[in-house]
């Protein structure tokens, strides 16, 4: 189980740092899916990307892992309106990608899994010798 959790953590770190960087590399796709009632979509795109990168790096260290995992959980909850709006707006074209209603629902359904995955790292490491 320890190996699985370690591999999972590495994937999580790379995933959040990469996803955060993607907010800066391809901002138009993210800005396009931010609901219209949220002001300053460009600002919030870059802010969320910066937080994803920061939290991804904070996952690396034992001392900051729990707080980073809680931060990711909160970030994923904050992203729920985006994914709900995607379901409402589907089908739509996002760059060259067609977002179908099925794809939008699948992405929304993935949110609880991603939250659970981050939550898995909110617990500090238990000492082997403590009872």
C-alpha atoms as a PDB file:
ATOM      1  CA  UNK A   1       0.000   0.000   0.000  1.00  0.00           C
ATOM      2  CA  UNK A   2       2.898   2.344   0.753  1.00  0.00           C
ATOM      3  CA  UNK A   3       4.261   1.919  -2.787  1.00  0.00           C
ATOM      4  CA  UNK A   4       0.845   2.641  -4.308  1.00  0.00           C
ATOM      5  CA  UNK A   5       0.468   5.764  -2.164  1.00  0.00           C
ATOM      6  CA  UNK A   6       3.976   6.945  -3.105  1.00  0.00           C
ATOM      7  CA  UNK A   7       3.369   6.422  -6.834  1.00  0.00           C
ATOM      8  CA  UNK A   8      -0.033   8.088  -6.496  1.00  0.00           C
ATOM      9  CA  UNK A   9       1.588  11.074  -4.776  1.00  0.00           C
ATOM     10  CA  UNK A  10       4.158  11.450  -7.559  1.00  0.00           C
ATOM     11  CA  UNK A  11       1.364  11.398 -10.148  1.00  0.00           C
ATOM     12  CA  UNK A  12      -0.578  13.965  -8.114  1.00  0.00           C
ATOM     13  CA  UNK A  13       2.439  16.280  -7.837  1.00  0.00           C
ATOM     14  CA  UNK A  14       3.256  16.074 -11.543  1.00  0.00           C
ATOM     15  CA  UNK A  15      -0.433  16.397 -12.430  1.00  0.00           C
ATOM     16  CA  UNK A  16      -1.043  19.582 -10.450  1.00  0.00           C
ATOM     17  CA  UNK A  17       2.203  21.263 -11.449  1.00  0.00           C
ATOM     18  CA  UNK A  18       1.532  20.358 -15.094  1.00  0.00           C
ATOM     19  CA  UNK A  19      -2.126  21.390 -14.978  1.00  0.00           C
ATOM     20  CA  UNK A  20      -1.196  24.660 -13.309  1.00  0.00           C
ATOM     21  CA  UNK A  21       1.445  25.376 -15.933  1.00  0.00           C
ATOM     22  CA  UNK A  22      -1.101  24.642 -18.633  1.00  0.00           C
ATOM     23  CA  UNK A  23      -3.210  27.574 -17.354  1.00  0.00           C
ATOM     24  CA  UNK A  24      -0.334  29.809 -18.463  1.00  0.00           C
ATOM     25  CA  UNK A  25       0.560  27.923 -21.660  1.00  0.00           C
ATOM     26  CA  UNK A  26      -3.026  27.583 -22.999  1.00  0.00           C
ATOM     27  CA  UNK A  27      -5.085  30.177 -21.118  1.00  0.00           C
ATOM     28  CA  UNK A  28      -7.824  30.546 -23.749  1.00  0.00           C
ATOM     29  CA  UNK A  29      -9.238  27.081 -23.148  1.00  0.00           C
ATOM     30  CA  UNK A  30      -9.559  27.707 -19.424  1.00  0.00           C
ATOM     31  CA  UNK A  31     -10.914  31.233 -19.778  1.00  0.00           C
ATOM     32  CA  UNK A  32     -13.537  29.928 -22.205  1.00  0.00           C
ATOM     33  CA  UNK A  33     -15.007  27.495 -19.651  1.00  0.00           C
ATOM     34  CA  UNK A  34     -15.152  29.916 -16.713  1.00  0.00           C
ATOM     35  CA  UNK A  35     -18.837  30.744 -16.132  1.00  0.00           C
ATOM     36  CA  UNK A  36     -19.891  34.176 -17.377  1.00  0.00           C
ATOM     37  CA  UNK A  37     -21.100  35.255 -13.937  1.00  0.00           C
ATOM     38  CA  UNK A  38     -17.554  35.006 -12.520  1.00  0.00           C
ATOM     39  CA  UNK A  39     -15.801  38.350 -13.047  1.00  0.00           C
ATOM     40  CA  UNK A  40     -12.254  38.693 -14.363  1.00  0.00           C
ATOM     41  CA  UNK A  41     -11.947  35.232 -15.936  1.00  0.00           C
ATOM     42  CA  UNK A  42      -8.381  35.846 -17.174  1.00  0.00           C
ATOM     43  CA  UNK A  43      -7.272  36.801 -13.656  1.00  0.00           C
ATOM     44  CA  UNK A  44      -8.976  33.773 -12.095  1.00  0.00           C
ATOM     45  CA  UNK A  45      -7.472  31.473 -14.715  1.00  0.00           C
ATOM     46  CA  UNK A  46      -3.943  32.607 -13.854  1.00  0.00           C
ATOM     47  CA  UNK A  47      -4.685  32.618 -10.127  1.00  0.00           C
ATOM     48  CA  UNK A  48      -5.980  29.043 -10.191  1.00  0.00           C
ATOM     49  CA  UNK A  49      -2.990  27.965 -12.282  1.00  0.00           C
ATOM     50  CA  UNK A  50      -0.594  29.587  -9.809  1.00  0.00           C
ATOM     51  CA  UNK A  51      -2.346  27.861  -6.895  1.00  0.00           C
ATOM     52  CA  UNK A  52      -2.189  24.488  -8.655  1.00  0.00           C
ATOM     53  CA  UNK A  53       1.551  24.905  -9.206  1.00  0.00           C
ATOM     54  CA  UNK A  54       2.154  26.101  -5.635  1.00  0.00           C
ATOM     55  CA  UNK A  55       0.078  23.320  -4.067  1.00  0.00           C
ATOM     56  CA  UNK A  56       1.728  20.736  -6.323  1.00  0.00           C
ATOM     57  CA  UNK A  57       5.153  21.811  -5.082  1.00  0.00           C
ATOM     58  CA  UNK A  58       3.962  21.889  -1.463  1.00  0.00           C
ATOM     59  CA  UNK A  59       2.864  18.250  -1.825  1.00  0.00           C
ATOM     60  CA  UNK A  60       6.519  17.288  -2.204  1.00  0.00           C
ATOM     61  CA  UNK A  61       7.455  18.029   1.397  1.00  0.00           C
ATOM     62  CA  UNK A  62       6.154  16.079   4.407  1.00  0.00           C
ATOM     63  CA  UNK A  63       5.895  19.290   6.430  1.00  0.00           C
ATOM     64  CA  UNK A  64       3.527  20.955   3.927  1.00  0.00           C
ATOM     65  CA  UNK A  65       1.818  17.943   2.352  1.00  0.00           C
ATOM     66  CA  UNK A  66      -1.288  17.977   4.531  1.00  0.00           C
ATOM     67  CA  UNK A  67      -1.961  21.693   4.072  1.00  0.00           C
ATOM     68  CA  UNK A  68      -1.339  21.372   0.316  1.00  0.00           C
ATOM     69  CA  UNK A  69      -3.776  18.453   0.092  1.00  0.00           C
ATOM     70  CA  UNK A  70      -6.442  20.454   1.958  1.00  0.00           C
ATOM     71  CA  UNK A  71      -5.756  23.358  -0.399  1.00  0.00           C
ATOM     72  CA  UNK A  72      -6.268  21.111  -3.412  1.00  0.00           C
ATOM     73  CA  UNK A  73      -9.544  19.839  -1.943  1.00  0.00           C
ATOM     74  CA  UNK A  74     -10.742  23.443  -1.557  1.00  0.00           C
ATOM     75  CA  UNK A  75      -9.533  24.349  -5.038  1.00  0.00           C
ATOM     76  CA  UNK A  76     -11.411  21.416  -6.540  1.00  0.00           C
ATOM     77  CA  UNK A  77     -14.561  22.485  -4.692  1.00  0.00           C
ATOM     78  CA  UNK A  78     -14.084  25.998  -6.054  1.00  0.00           C
ATOM     79  CA  UNK A  79     -13.863  24.521  -9.574  1.00  0.00           C
ATOM     80  CA  UNK A  80     -17.289  22.854  -9.292  1.00  0.00           C
ATOM     81  CA  UNK A  81     -19.153  25.808 -10.889  1.00  0.00           C
ATOM     82  CA  UNK A  82     -16.885  25.506 -13.934  1.00  0.00           C
ATOM     83  CA  UNK A  83     -17.720  21.834 -14.381  1.00  0.00           C
ATOM     84  CA  UNK A  84     -21.432  22.374 -13.757  1.00  0.00           C
ATOM     85  CA  UNK A  85     -21.410  25.152 -16.377  1.00  0.00           C
ATOM     86  CA  UNK A  86     -19.678  22.777 -18.793  1.00  0.00           C
ATOM     87  CA  UNK A  87     -22.578  20.325 -18.378  1.00  0.00           C
ATOM     88  CA  UNK A  88     -25.062  23.138 -19.008  1.00  0.00           C
ATOM     89  CA  UNK A  89     -23.203  24.434 -22.082  1.00  0.00           C
ATOM     90  CA  UNK A  90     -22.386  21.061 -23.674  1.00  0.00           C
ATOM     91  CA  UNK A  91     -21.990  20.351 -26.492  1.00  0.00           C
ATOM     92  CA  UNK A  92     -19.427  23.017 -27.288  1.00  0.00           C
ATOM     93  CA  UNK A  93     -16.087  23.253 -28.989  1.00  0.00           C
ATOM     94  CA  UNK A  94     -13.014  23.946 -26.866  1.00  0.00           C
ATOM     95  CA  UNK A  95     -10.219  24.648 -29.304  1.00  0.00           C
ATOM     96  CA  UNK A  96     -10.132  21.553 -31.500  1.00  0.00           C
ATOM     97  CA  UNK A  97     -11.843  19.412 -28.849  1.00  0.00           C
ATOM     98  CA  UNK A  98     -15.601  18.839 -28.924  1.00  0.00           C
ATOM     99  CA  UNK A  99     -16.969  18.657 -25.371  1.00  0.00           C
ATOM    100  CA  UNK A 100     -20.008  16.416 -25.552  1.00  0.00           C
ATOM    101  CA  UNK A 101     -22.620  16.198 -22.802  1.00  0.00           C
ATOM    102  CA  UNK A 102     -21.209  12.768 -21.875  1.00  0.00           C
ATOM    103  CA  UNK A 103     -17.680  14.172 -21.593  1.00  0.00           C
ATOM    104  CA  UNK A 104     -18.901  17.114 -19.496  1.00  0.00           C
ATOM    105  CA  UNK A 105     -20.821  14.792 -17.140  1.00  0.00           C
ATOM    106  CA  UNK A 106     -17.814  12.458 -16.895  1.00  0.00           C
ATOM    107  CA  UNK A 107     -15.550  15.393 -15.990  1.00  0.00           C
ATOM    108  CA  UNK A 108     -18.028  16.557 -13.338  1.00  0.00           C
ATOM    109  CA  UNK A 109     -18.273  13.013 -11.938  1.00  0.00           C
ATOM    110  CA  UNK A 110     -14.475  12.909 -11.718  1.00  0.00           C
ATOM    111  CA  UNK A 111     -14.409  15.820  -9.227  1.00  0.00           C
ATOM    112  CA  UNK A 112     -15.296  13.703  -6.145  1.00  0.00           C
ATOM    113  CA  UNK A 113     -12.600  11.186  -7.126  1.00  0.00           C
ATOM    114  CA  UNK A 114     -10.014  13.951  -7.430  1.00  0.00           C
ATOM    115  CA  UNK A 115     -11.107  15.430  -4.093  1.00  0.00           C
ATOM    116  CA  UNK A 116     -10.816  12.019  -2.417  1.00  0.00           C
ATOM    117  CA  UNK A 117      -7.393  11.491  -4.004  1.00  0.00           C
ATOM    118  CA  UNK A 118      -6.105  14.783  -2.573  1.00  0.00           C
ATOM    119  CA  UNK A 119      -7.837  14.124   0.767  1.00  0.00           C
ATOM    120  CA  UNK A 120      -5.869  10.862   1.030  1.00  0.00           C
ATOM    121  CA  UNK A 121      -2.786  13.015   1.701  1.00  0.00           C
ATOM    122  CA  UNK A 122      -4.370  15.274   4.347  1.00  0.00           C
ATOM    123  CA  UNK A 123      -3.476  12.851   7.120  1.00  0.00           C
ATOM    124  CA  UNK A 124       0.032  13.242   8.561  1.00  0.00           C
ATOM    125  CA  UNK A 125       2.289  10.214   8.351  1.00  0.00           C
ATOM    126  CA  UNK A 126       1.738   7.921  11.311  1.00  0.00           C
ATOM    127  CA  UNK A 127       4.731   6.858  13.294  1.00  0.00           C
ATOM    128  CA  UNK A 128       5.370   3.167  13.098  1.00  0.00           C
ATOM    129  CA  UNK A 129       6.198   2.817  16.811  1.00  0.00           C
ATOM    130  CA  UNK A 130       3.267   4.776  18.219  1.00  0.00           C
ATOM    131  CA  UNK A 131       0.112   3.076  19.457  1.00  0.00           C
END
